[in-house]
Amino acid sequence: MNNIPTGTVAISVNAGSAGTITVNAVKSGYNSGTTSITANAATPTLNVVANPTSVTAGTATSVTFTVTRTDTNAAVSGATVTLTGAV
């Protein structure tokens, strides 16, 4: 609960999950006010690991690329891996 002396307050919101957060304001002598804000699901970041990490120019080498989520380290299926540069 935050007492607002000027009519405006900034509250740090760190939602535990995606969904709707209901906001209520009350003051004696007034009807309460309500609004809501939406907490969107965080977009995970991908991590790509190559094995081996170096190849010899002119020599075909099989390289395995593993794609995981950085937040959980879980494998990600269906990702598209592309090569650019000296290929």
N, C-alpha and C. Protein backbone atom coordinates (compact mmCIF):
# COMPACT_ATOMS: atom_id res chain seq x y z
N MET A 1 0.85 -1.17 0.00
CA MET A 1 0.00 0.00 0.00
C MET A 1 0.90 1.23 0.00
N ASN A 2 0.56 2.19 -0.85
CA ASN A 2 1.33 3.43 -0.95
C ASN A 2 0.42 4.62 -0.74
N ASN A 3 0.78 5.49 0.21
CA ASN A 3 0.06 6.73 0.44
C ASN A 3 0.61 7.75 -0.54
N ILE A 4 -0.26 8.44 -1.29
CA ILE A 4 0.16 9.32 -2.38
C ILE A 4 -0.11 10.77 -2.00
N PRO A 5 0.89 11.51 -1.54
CA PRO A 5 0.65 12.90 -1.14
C PRO A 5 0.38 13.83 -2.32
N THR A 6 0.86 13.53 -3.53
CA THR A 6 0.72 14.46 -4.66
C THR A 6 -0.27 13.97 -5.71
N GLY A 7 -0.85 12.80 -5.56
CA GLY A 7 -1.77 12.26 -6.55
C GLY A 7 -1.11 11.36 -7.56
N THR A 8 0.21 11.26 -7.55
CA THR A 8 0.94 10.41 -8.49
C THR A 8 1.97 9.60 -7.71
N VAL A 9 2.09 8.33 -8.07
CA VAL A 9 3.09 7.49 -7.42
C VAL A 9 3.65 6.52 -8.47
N ALA A 10 4.93 6.23 -8.36
CA ALA A 10 5.56 5.21 -9.19
C ALA A 10 5.81 4.00 -8.30
N ILE A 11 5.30 2.86 -8.71
CA ILE A 11 5.46 1.63 -7.95
C ILE A 11 6.18 0.63 -8.84
N SER A 12 7.26 0.06 -8.36
CA SER A 12 7.98 -0.97 -9.11
C SER A 12 7.14 -2.24 -9.13
N VAL A 13 6.84 -2.74 -10.33
CA VAL A 13 6.03 -3.94 -10.49
C VAL A 13 6.91 -5.03 -11.11
N ASN A 14 7.02 -6.14 -10.42
CA ASN A 14 7.76 -7.30 -10.92
C ASN A 14 6.80 -8.49 -10.88
N ALA A 15 6.06 -8.68 -11.97
CA ALA A 15 5.03 -9.72 -12.00
C ALA A 15 5.68 -11.10 -11.93
N GLY A 16 5.07 -11.97 -11.15
CA GLY A 16 5.56 -13.33 -11.02
C GLY A 16 5.16 -14.23 -12.18
N SER A 17 4.16 -13.80 -12.94
CA SER A 17 3.71 -14.58 -14.09
C SER A 17 2.94 -13.66 -15.02
N ALA A 18 2.65 -14.15 -16.21
CA ALA A 18 1.86 -13.36 -17.16
C ALA A 18 0.41 -13.33 -16.69
N GLY A 19 -0.27 -12.22 -16.97
CA GLY A 19 -1.68 -12.11 -16.61
C GLY A 19 -2.07 -10.68 -16.32
N THR A 20 -3.21 -10.51 -15.71
CA THR A 20 -3.75 -9.19 -15.41
C THR A 20 -3.46 -8.84 -13.95
N ILE A 21 -3.01 -7.62 -13.75
CA ILE A 21 -2.78 -7.10 -12.41
C ILE A 21 -3.83 -6.01 -12.17
N THR A 22 -4.62 -6.17 -11.13
CA THR A 22 -5.66 -5.20 -10.80
C THR A 22 -5.10 -4.16 -9.85
N VAL A 23 -5.40 -2.90 -10.14
CA VAL A 23 -4.91 -1.78 -9.35
C VAL A 23 -6.13 -1.07 -8.74
N ASN A 24 -6.10 -0.86 -7.43
CA ASN A 24 -7.21 -0.20 -6.73
C ASN A 24 -6.69 1.04 -6.02
N ALA A 25 -7.50 2.09 -6.02
CA ALA A 25 -7.20 3.30 -5.26
C ALA A 25 -8.40 3.60 -4.36
N VAL A 26 -8.12 3.86 -3.10
CA VAL A 26 -9.19 4.18 -2.15
C VAL A 26 -8.80 5.40 -1.32
N LYS A 27 -9.81 6.17 -0.94
CA LYS A 27 -9.60 7.30 -0.04
C LYS A 27 -10.94 7.58 0.63
N SER A 28 -10.88 7.83 1.90
CA SER A 28 -12.09 8.15 2.65
C SER A 28 -12.80 9.35 2.01
N GLY A 29 -14.11 9.23 1.81
CA GLY A 29 -14.89 10.30 1.22
C GLY A 29 -14.99 10.22 -0.29
N TYR A 30 -14.35 9.23 -0.91
CA TYR A 30 -14.37 9.05 -2.36
C TYR A 30 -14.83 7.64 -2.70
N ASN A 31 -15.42 7.48 -3.88
CA ASN A 31 -15.64 6.13 -4.40
C ASN A 31 -14.29 5.60 -4.87
N SER A 32 -14.07 4.32 -4.67
CA SER A 32 -12.78 3.74 -5.07
C SER A 32 -12.64 3.72 -6.59
N GLY A 33 -11.41 3.67 -7.06
CA GLY A 33 -11.11 3.59 -8.49
C GLY A 33 -10.32 2.33 -8.77
N THR A 34 -10.55 1.77 -9.94
CA THR A 34 -9.88 0.52 -10.31
C THR A 34 -9.42 0.61 -11.76
N THR A 35 -8.27 0.07 -12.03
CA THR A 35 -7.78 -0.13 -13.40
C THR A 35 -6.98 -1.42 -13.41
N SER A 36 -6.49 -1.80 -14.55
CA SER A 36 -5.66 -3.00 -14.61
C SER A 36 -4.51 -2.77 -15.56
N ILE A 37 -3.46 -3.51 -15.34
CA ILE A 37 -2.31 -3.52 -16.26
C ILE A 37 -2.06 -4.98 -16.64
N THR A 38 -1.45 -5.17 -17.78
CA THR A 38 -1.20 -6.53 -18.28
C THR A 38 0.27 -6.87 -18.13
N ALA A 39 0.54 -8.01 -17.53
CA ALA A 39 1.91 -8.53 -17.46
C ALA A 39 2.07 -9.55 -18.59
N ASN A 40 2.91 -9.21 -19.55
CA ASN A 40 3.16 -10.10 -20.67
C ASN A 40 4.25 -11.11 -20.33
N ALA A 41 4.16 -12.27 -20.95
CA ALA A 41 5.19 -13.28 -20.74
C ALA A 41 6.52 -12.78 -21.29
N ALA A 42 7.57 -13.02 -20.56
CA ALA A 42 8.90 -12.64 -21.02
C ALA A 42 9.29 -13.49 -22.22
N THR A 43 9.97 -12.87 -23.17
CA THR A 43 10.45 -13.60 -24.34
C THR A 43 11.82 -14.17 -24.00
N PRO A 44 11.96 -15.50 -24.00
CA PRO A 44 13.24 -16.09 -23.65
C PRO A 44 14.31 -15.82 -24.72
N THR A 45 15.54 -15.82 -24.30
CA THR A 45 16.68 -15.63 -25.20
C THR A 45 17.30 -16.99 -25.50
N LEU A 46 17.74 -17.15 -26.74
CA LEU A 46 18.37 -18.41 -27.15
C LEU A 46 19.88 -18.34 -26.98
N ASN A 47 20.45 -19.46 -26.62
CA ASN A 47 21.89 -19.64 -26.54
C ASN A 47 22.28 -20.69 -27.57
N VAL A 48 23.33 -20.44 -28.33
CA VAL A 48 23.79 -21.40 -29.34
C VAL A 48 25.23 -21.79 -29.02
N VAL A 49 25.48 -23.09 -28.95
CA VAL A 49 26.82 -23.60 -28.69
C VAL A 49 27.24 -24.46 -29.87
N ALA A 50 28.46 -24.23 -30.37
CA ALA A 50 29.01 -25.01 -31.48
C ALA A 50 30.06 -25.97 -30.96
N ASN A 51 30.08 -27.18 -31.54
CA ASN A 51 31.09 -28.17 -31.19
C ASN A 51 31.48 -28.93 -32.45
N PRO A 52 32.70 -28.79 -32.94
CA PRO A 52 33.80 -27.98 -32.40
C PRO A 52 33.58 -26.50 -32.70
N THR A 53 34.41 -25.66 -32.07
CA THR A 53 34.27 -24.22 -32.23
C THR A 53 35.20 -23.64 -33.30
N SER A 54 36.01 -24.48 -33.93
CA SER A 54 36.84 -24.01 -35.04
C SER A 54 36.94 -25.12 -36.09
N VAL A 55 37.09 -24.69 -37.35
CA VAL A 55 37.24 -25.62 -38.47
C VAL A 55 38.40 -25.13 -39.34
N THR A 56 38.86 -26.00 -40.22
CA THR A 56 39.95 -25.66 -41.13
C THR A 56 39.38 -25.33 -42.50
N ALA A 57 39.75 -24.18 -43.03
CA ALA A 57 39.27 -23.78 -44.36
C ALA A 57 39.65 -24.84 -45.39
N GLY A 58 38.70 -25.19 -46.24
CA GLY A 58 38.95 -26.17 -47.29
C GLY A 58 38.74 -27.61 -46.85
N THR A 59 38.42 -27.84 -45.59
CA THR A 59 38.20 -29.19 -45.07
C THR A 59 36.77 -29.27 -44.53
N ALA A 60 35.96 -30.15 -45.11
CA ALA A 60 34.59 -30.32 -44.63
C ALA A 60 34.63 -30.86 -43.20
N THR A 61 33.92 -30.23 -42.32
CA THR A 61 33.89 -30.62 -40.91
C THR A 61 32.46 -30.62 -40.42
N SER A 62 32.05 -31.67 -39.73
CA SER A 62 30.72 -31.73 -39.15
C SER A 62 30.73 -30.96 -37.82
N VAL A 63 29.87 -29.96 -37.73
CA VAL A 63 29.77 -29.15 -36.51
C VAL A 63 28.36 -29.33 -35.95
N THR A 64 28.27 -29.64 -34.67
CA THR A 64 26.98 -29.79 -33.99
C THR A 64 26.65 -28.49 -33.29
N PHE A 65 25.44 -27.98 -33.53
CA PHE A 65 24.98 -26.75 -32.88
C PHE A 65 23.85 -27.11 -31.92
N THR A 66 23.99 -26.72 -30.68
CA THR A 66 22.98 -26.98 -29.66
C THR A 66 22.33 -25.66 -29.28
N VAL A 67 20.99 -25.61 -29.35
CA VAL A 67 20.24 -24.40 -29.04
C VAL A 67 19.47 -24.64 -27.73
N THR A 68 19.66 -23.73 -26.76
CA THR A 68 19.00 -23.84 -25.47
C THR A 68 18.44 -22.47 -25.07
N ARG A 69 17.57 -22.48 -24.07
CA ARG A 69 17.09 -21.24 -23.45
C ARG A 69 18.12 -20.78 -22.44
N THR A 70 18.41 -19.48 -22.40
CA THR A 70 19.39 -18.99 -21.43
C THR A 70 18.85 -19.00 -20.01
N ASP A 71 17.52 -18.89 -19.84
CA ASP A 71 16.96 -18.82 -18.49
C ASP A 71 16.83 -20.19 -17.83
N THR A 72 16.61 -21.25 -18.62
CA THR A 72 16.41 -22.58 -18.03
C THR A 72 17.43 -23.60 -18.51
N ASN A 73 18.20 -23.24 -19.54
CA ASN A 73 19.17 -24.15 -20.17
C ASN A 73 18.48 -25.35 -20.84
N ALA A 74 17.17 -25.28 -21.04
CA ALA A 74 16.44 -26.36 -21.69
C ALA A 74 16.67 -26.32 -23.20
N ALA A 75 16.78 -27.48 -23.80
CA ALA A 75 16.94 -27.57 -25.25
C ALA A 75 15.71 -27.00 -25.95
N VAL A 76 15.93 -26.34 -27.09
CA VAL A 76 14.85 -25.74 -27.87
C VAL A 76 14.76 -26.47 -29.21
N SER A 77 13.65 -27.14 -29.43
CA SER A 77 13.46 -27.82 -30.72
C SER A 77 12.81 -26.87 -31.71
N GLY A 78 13.05 -27.08 -32.99
CA GLY A 78 12.42 -26.29 -34.03
C GLY A 78 13.08 -24.97 -34.34
N ALA A 79 14.20 -24.66 -33.68
CA ALA A 79 14.91 -23.41 -33.98
C ALA A 79 15.59 -23.54 -35.34
N THR A 80 15.72 -22.43 -36.05
CA THR A 80 16.43 -22.40 -37.31
C THR A 80 17.83 -21.89 -37.08
N VAL A 81 18.82 -22.64 -37.51
CA VAL A 81 20.22 -22.26 -37.37
C VAL A 81 20.76 -21.96 -38.77
N THR A 82 21.31 -20.78 -38.96
CA THR A 82 21.88 -20.41 -40.25
C THR A 82 23.35 -20.03 -40.07
N LEU A 83 24.11 -20.14 -41.13
CA LEU A 83 25.52 -19.80 -41.13
C LEU A 83 25.75 -18.62 -42.07
N THR A 84 26.55 -17.66 -41.62
CA THR A 84 26.96 -16.53 -42.46
C THR A 84 28.45 -16.33 -42.28
N GLY A 85 29.04 -15.50 -43.07
CA GLY A 85 30.47 -15.23 -42.93
C GLY A 85 31.27 -16.11 -43.88
N ALA A 86 32.37 -16.66 -43.42
CA ALA A 86 33.30 -17.43 -44.25
C ALA A 86 32.80 -18.84 -44.49
N VAL A 87 31.62 -18.95 -45.12
CA VAL A 87 31.08 -20.29 -45.41
C VAL A 87 31.08 -20.56 -46.90
